[in-house]
Amino acid sequence: MKPISPEEASSYLQRWSIVAKAERIELRETSIEVKLKQVASLMESAGLFPDPGRAASDDEVRTRWVKIRRAYGLG
């Protein structure tokens, strides 16, 4: 990979600063209804990308909650 000059680096950072500003404006102007629909879509799509480590992680969390409930006499 070829090193970039300080001017190229500055230009690169300036472009991404413009992108970040545009994203902030877009997010500010997006209605809560649209944001909730986007979140719902993301949550629904979770099954499309299997995560083999998730089952083990879920089991670990369940085990921790069982210990917490027992410690407080709730189960």
Protein backbone atom coordinates (compact mmCIF):
# COMPACT_ATOMS: atom_id res chain seq x y z
CA MET A 1 0.00 0.00 0.00
CA LYS A 2 1.37 3.37 -1.03
CA PRO A 3 1.69 6.01 1.72
CA ILE A 4 -0.47 9.09 1.30
CA SER A 5 0.71 12.66 1.53
CA PRO A 6 -0.42 15.01 4.32
CA GLU A 7 -2.57 16.86 1.79
CA GLU A 8 -4.29 13.63 0.72
CA ALA A 9 -4.86 12.69 4.35
CA SER A 10 -6.35 16.09 5.08
CA SER A 11 -8.61 15.86 2.03
CA TYR A 12 -9.70 12.36 3.06
CA LEU A 13 -10.59 13.49 6.58
CA GLN A 14 -12.43 16.54 5.24
CA ARG A 15 -14.56 14.36 2.94
CA TRP A 16 -15.49 12.06 5.81
CA SER A 17 -16.32 15.07 7.96
CA ILE A 18 -18.80 16.15 5.27
CA VAL A 19 -20.28 12.63 5.21
CA ALA A 20 -20.64 12.61 9.01
CA LYS A 21 -22.42 15.97 8.93
CA ALA A 22 -24.82 14.73 6.23
CA GLU A 23 -25.56 11.61 8.30
CA ARG A 24 -26.32 13.71 11.39
CA ILE A 25 -28.73 15.87 9.39
CA GLU A 26 -30.39 12.80 7.90
CA LEU A 27 -30.79 11.17 11.30
CA ARG A 28 -32.20 14.36 12.80
CA GLU A 29 -34.75 14.67 10.00
CA THR A 30 -35.82 11.01 10.02
CA SER A 31 -39.12 10.45 11.80
CA ILE A 32 -39.32 8.14 14.80
CA GLU A 33 -41.76 5.97 12.84
CA VAL A 34 -39.15 5.36 10.12
CA LYS A 35 -36.43 4.71 12.71
CA LEU A 36 -38.62 2.14 14.47
CA LYS A 37 -39.40 0.43 11.17
CA GLN A 38 -35.68 0.27 10.42
CA VAL A 39 -34.94 -1.28 13.80
CA ALA A 40 -37.76 -3.79 13.34
CA SER A 41 -36.37 -4.76 9.93
CA LEU A 42 -32.92 -5.28 11.39
CA MET A 43 -34.30 -7.43 14.18
CA GLU A 44 -36.32 -9.53 11.73
CA SER A 45 -33.26 -10.08 9.55
CA ALA A 46 -31.19 -11.52 12.41
CA GLY A 47 -32.23 -15.05 11.43
CA LEU A 48 -30.72 -14.62 7.98
CA PHE A 49 -27.21 -14.60 9.45
CA PRO A 50 -26.70 -17.62 11.69
CA ASP A 51 -24.31 -17.17 14.59
CA PRO A 52 -23.08 -20.51 15.90
CA GLY A 53 -21.66 -18.93 19.05
CA ARG A 54 -24.94 -17.31 20.00
CA ALA A 55 -26.58 -20.43 21.45
CA ALA A 56 -23.67 -20.91 23.84
CA SER A 57 -23.78 -17.24 24.77
CA ASP A 58 -27.54 -17.43 25.37
CA ASP A 59 -27.06 -20.47 27.61
CA GLU A 60 -24.41 -18.63 29.61
CA VAL A 61 -26.73 -15.66 30.14
CA ARG A 62 -29.60 -17.94 31.20
CA THR A 63 -27.31 -19.67 33.69
CA ARG A 64 -26.30 -16.30 35.16
CA TRP A 65 -29.94 -15.25 35.55
CA VAL A 66 -30.72 -18.53 37.31
CA LYS A 67 -27.88 -17.83 39.77
CA ILE A 68 -29.12 -14.28 40.34
CA ARG A 69 -32.70 -15.45 40.95
CA ARG A 70 -31.52 -18.11 43.38
CA ALA A 71 -29.32 -15.61 45.22
CA TYR A 72 -32.38 -13.40 45.76
CA GLY A 73 -34.65 -16.32 46.58
CA LEU A 74 -36.76 -15.90 43.46
CA GLY A 75 -36.35 -19.28 41.88
